[in-house]
N, C-alpha and C. Protein backbone atom coordinates (compact mmCIF):
# COMPACT_ATOMS: atom_id res chain seq x y z
N UNK A 1 89.07 96.05 102.76
CA UNK A 1 89.98 96.64 103.72
C UNK A 1 90.08 95.81 105.00
N UNK A 2 89.06 95.01 105.27
CA UNK A 2 89.08 94.14 106.44
C UNK A 2 90.24 93.15 106.35
N UNK A 3 90.45 92.60 105.15
CA UNK A 3 91.55 91.63 104.97
C UNK A 3 92.90 92.29 105.16
N UNK A 4 93.03 93.53 104.73
CA UNK A 4 94.29 94.26 104.89
C UNK A 4 94.59 94.40 106.38
N UNK A 5 93.58 94.73 107.17
CA UNK A 5 93.76 94.89 108.61
C UNK A 5 94.15 93.55 109.25
N UNK A 6 93.50 92.47 108.83
CA UNK A 6 93.80 91.14 109.37
C UNK A 6 95.24 90.73 109.07
N UNK A 7 95.68 91.00 107.85
CA UNK A 7 97.05 90.65 107.45
C UNK A 7 98.06 91.44 108.27
N UNK A 8 97.83 92.73 108.42
CA UNK A 8 98.75 93.57 109.18
C UNK A 8 98.79 93.13 110.65
N UNK A 9 97.63 92.81 111.22
CA UNK A 9 97.58 92.35 112.62
C UNK A 9 98.34 91.03 112.78
N UNK A 10 98.18 90.11 111.83
CA UNK A 10 98.88 88.82 111.90
C UNK A 10 100.38 89.03 111.87
N UNK A 11 100.84 89.97 111.05
CA UNK A 11 102.27 90.25 110.95
C UNK A 11 102.79 90.88 112.24
N UNK A 12 102.02 91.78 112.81
CA UNK A 12 102.45 92.46 114.04
C UNK A 12 102.49 91.49 115.22
N UNK A 13 101.52 90.57 115.30
CA UNK A 13 101.46 89.61 116.40
C UNK A 13 102.62 88.62 116.35
N UNK A 14 103.04 88.24 115.15
CA UNK A 14 104.09 87.23 115.02
C UNK A 14 105.44 87.72 115.53
N UNK A 15 105.72 88.99 115.32
CA UNK A 15 107.00 89.55 115.76
C UNK A 15 108.19 89.14 114.92
N UNK A 16 107.94 88.54 113.77
CA UNK A 16 109.03 88.14 112.87
C UNK A 16 108.55 88.24 111.43
N UNK A 17 109.48 88.18 110.50
CA UNK A 17 109.14 88.24 109.08
C UNK A 17 108.47 86.92 108.68
N UNK A 18 107.41 87.04 107.87
CA UNK A 18 106.63 85.86 107.48
C UNK A 18 106.47 85.76 105.97
N UNK A 19 106.25 84.54 105.49
CA UNK A 19 105.90 84.32 104.10
C UNK A 19 104.38 84.48 103.97
N UNK A 20 103.91 84.71 102.76
CA UNK A 20 102.48 84.90 102.52
C UNK A 20 101.66 83.69 103.00
N UNK A 21 102.19 82.49 102.79
CA UNK A 21 101.49 81.28 103.22
C UNK A 21 101.33 81.21 104.72
N UNK A 22 102.36 81.64 105.45
CA UNK A 22 102.29 81.66 106.91
C UNK A 22 101.27 82.70 107.39
N UNK A 23 101.24 83.83 106.72
CA UNK A 23 100.26 84.87 107.07
C UNK A 23 98.85 84.35 106.83
N UNK A 24 98.65 83.61 105.75
CA UNK A 24 97.35 83.04 105.45
C UNK A 24 96.90 82.09 106.56
N UNK A 25 97.81 81.26 107.04
CA UNK A 25 97.49 80.31 108.12
C UNK A 25 97.12 81.05 109.41
N UNK A 26 97.90 82.06 109.76
CA UNK A 26 97.66 82.80 111.00
C UNK A 26 96.36 83.59 110.94
N UNK A 27 96.11 84.25 109.80
CA UNK A 27 94.95 85.13 109.67
C UNK A 27 93.67 84.38 109.34
N UNK A 28 93.80 83.15 108.83
CA UNK A 28 92.62 82.39 108.44
C UNK A 28 92.08 82.78 107.08
N UNK A 29 92.84 83.56 106.34
CA UNK A 29 92.41 83.99 105.01
C UNK A 29 93.01 83.09 103.94
N UNK A 30 92.39 83.13 102.76
CA UNK A 30 92.92 82.42 101.61
C UNK A 30 94.20 83.11 101.14
N UNK A 31 95.17 82.35 100.63
CA UNK A 31 96.46 82.94 100.23
C UNK A 31 96.27 84.02 99.16
N UNK A 32 95.30 83.84 98.26
CA UNK A 32 95.05 84.85 97.22
C UNK A 32 94.62 86.17 97.85
N UNK A 33 93.79 86.08 98.90
CA UNK A 33 93.34 87.28 99.60
C UNK A 33 94.50 87.95 100.33
N UNK A 34 95.39 87.13 100.89
CA UNK A 34 96.58 87.66 101.57
C UNK A 34 97.46 88.39 100.56
N UNK A 35 97.65 87.81 99.38
CA UNK A 35 98.47 88.44 98.34
C UNK A 35 97.90 89.80 97.95
N UNK A 36 96.56 89.87 97.80
CA UNK A 36 95.92 91.14 97.45
C UNK A 36 96.13 92.17 98.55
N UNK A 37 95.94 91.76 99.80
CA UNK A 37 96.09 92.66 100.94
C UNK A 37 97.54 93.13 101.05
N UNK A 38 98.48 92.23 100.81
CA UNK A 38 99.89 92.60 100.89
C UNK A 38 100.26 93.60 99.81
N UNK A 39 99.65 93.50 98.64
CA UNK A 39 99.91 94.47 97.58
C UNK A 39 99.47 95.86 98.03
N UNK A 40 98.31 95.94 98.67
CA UNK A 40 97.82 97.22 99.19
C UNK A 40 98.79 97.76 100.24
N UNK A 41 99.23 96.89 101.16
CA UNK A 41 100.16 97.31 102.21
C UNK A 41 101.50 97.76 101.63
N UNK A 42 101.97 97.07 100.58
CA UNK A 42 103.22 97.47 99.93
C UNK A 42 103.06 98.84 99.28
N UNK A 43 101.93 99.04 98.59
CA UNK A 43 101.67 100.31 97.93
C UNK A 43 101.58 101.46 98.93
N UNK A 44 101.05 101.16 100.12
CA UNK A 44 100.93 102.18 101.17
C UNK A 44 102.21 102.30 102.00
N UNK A 45 103.22 101.51 101.66
CA UNK A 45 104.52 101.53 102.33
C UNK A 45 104.41 101.18 103.82
N UNK A 46 103.54 100.19 104.14
CA UNK A 46 103.36 99.78 105.53
C UNK A 46 104.10 98.50 105.88
N UNK A 47 104.58 97.77 104.85
CA UNK A 47 105.35 96.55 105.10
C UNK A 47 106.64 96.59 104.29
N UNK A 48 107.63 95.86 104.78
CA UNK A 48 108.93 95.78 104.10
C UNK A 48 109.36 94.31 104.03
N UNK A 49 110.26 94.05 103.11
CA UNK A 49 110.79 92.70 102.93
C UNK A 49 112.26 92.67 103.34
N UNK A 50 112.55 92.12 104.54
CA UNK A 50 113.94 92.05 104.98
C UNK A 50 114.77 91.04 104.18
N UNK A 51 114.09 90.03 103.64
CA UNK A 51 114.75 89.08 102.74
C UNK A 51 113.69 88.53 101.79
N UNK A 52 114.12 87.98 100.70
CA UNK A 52 113.22 87.55 99.63
C UNK A 52 112.09 86.65 100.14
N UNK A 53 110.86 87.02 99.77
CA UNK A 53 109.63 86.27 100.08
C UNK A 53 109.19 86.38 101.53
N UNK A 54 109.86 87.13 102.35
CA UNK A 54 109.46 87.33 103.75
C UNK A 54 109.07 88.79 103.94
N UNK A 55 108.01 89.02 104.73
CA UNK A 55 107.49 90.36 104.94
C UNK A 55 107.25 90.64 106.40
N UNK A 56 107.39 91.92 106.78
CA UNK A 56 107.12 92.34 108.15
C UNK A 56 106.63 93.78 108.14
N UNK A 57 105.93 94.20 109.21
CA UNK A 57 105.46 95.59 109.26
C UNK A 57 106.65 96.55 109.33
N UNK A 58 106.45 97.71 108.79
CA UNK A 58 107.51 98.72 108.77
C UNK A 58 107.65 99.36 110.15
């Protein structure tokens, strides 16, 4: 759950829609860990995709 929090914080700080690779760079996490965290956030309906491959907090 720590990684989920880090991913969400990175998205909120950026203020724009990001790709998973960009989130990984900002959060300092491995891209695979970011993908797992993003799946949890998607399932919890906390992030949305304004355009393909880009994500932002809801």
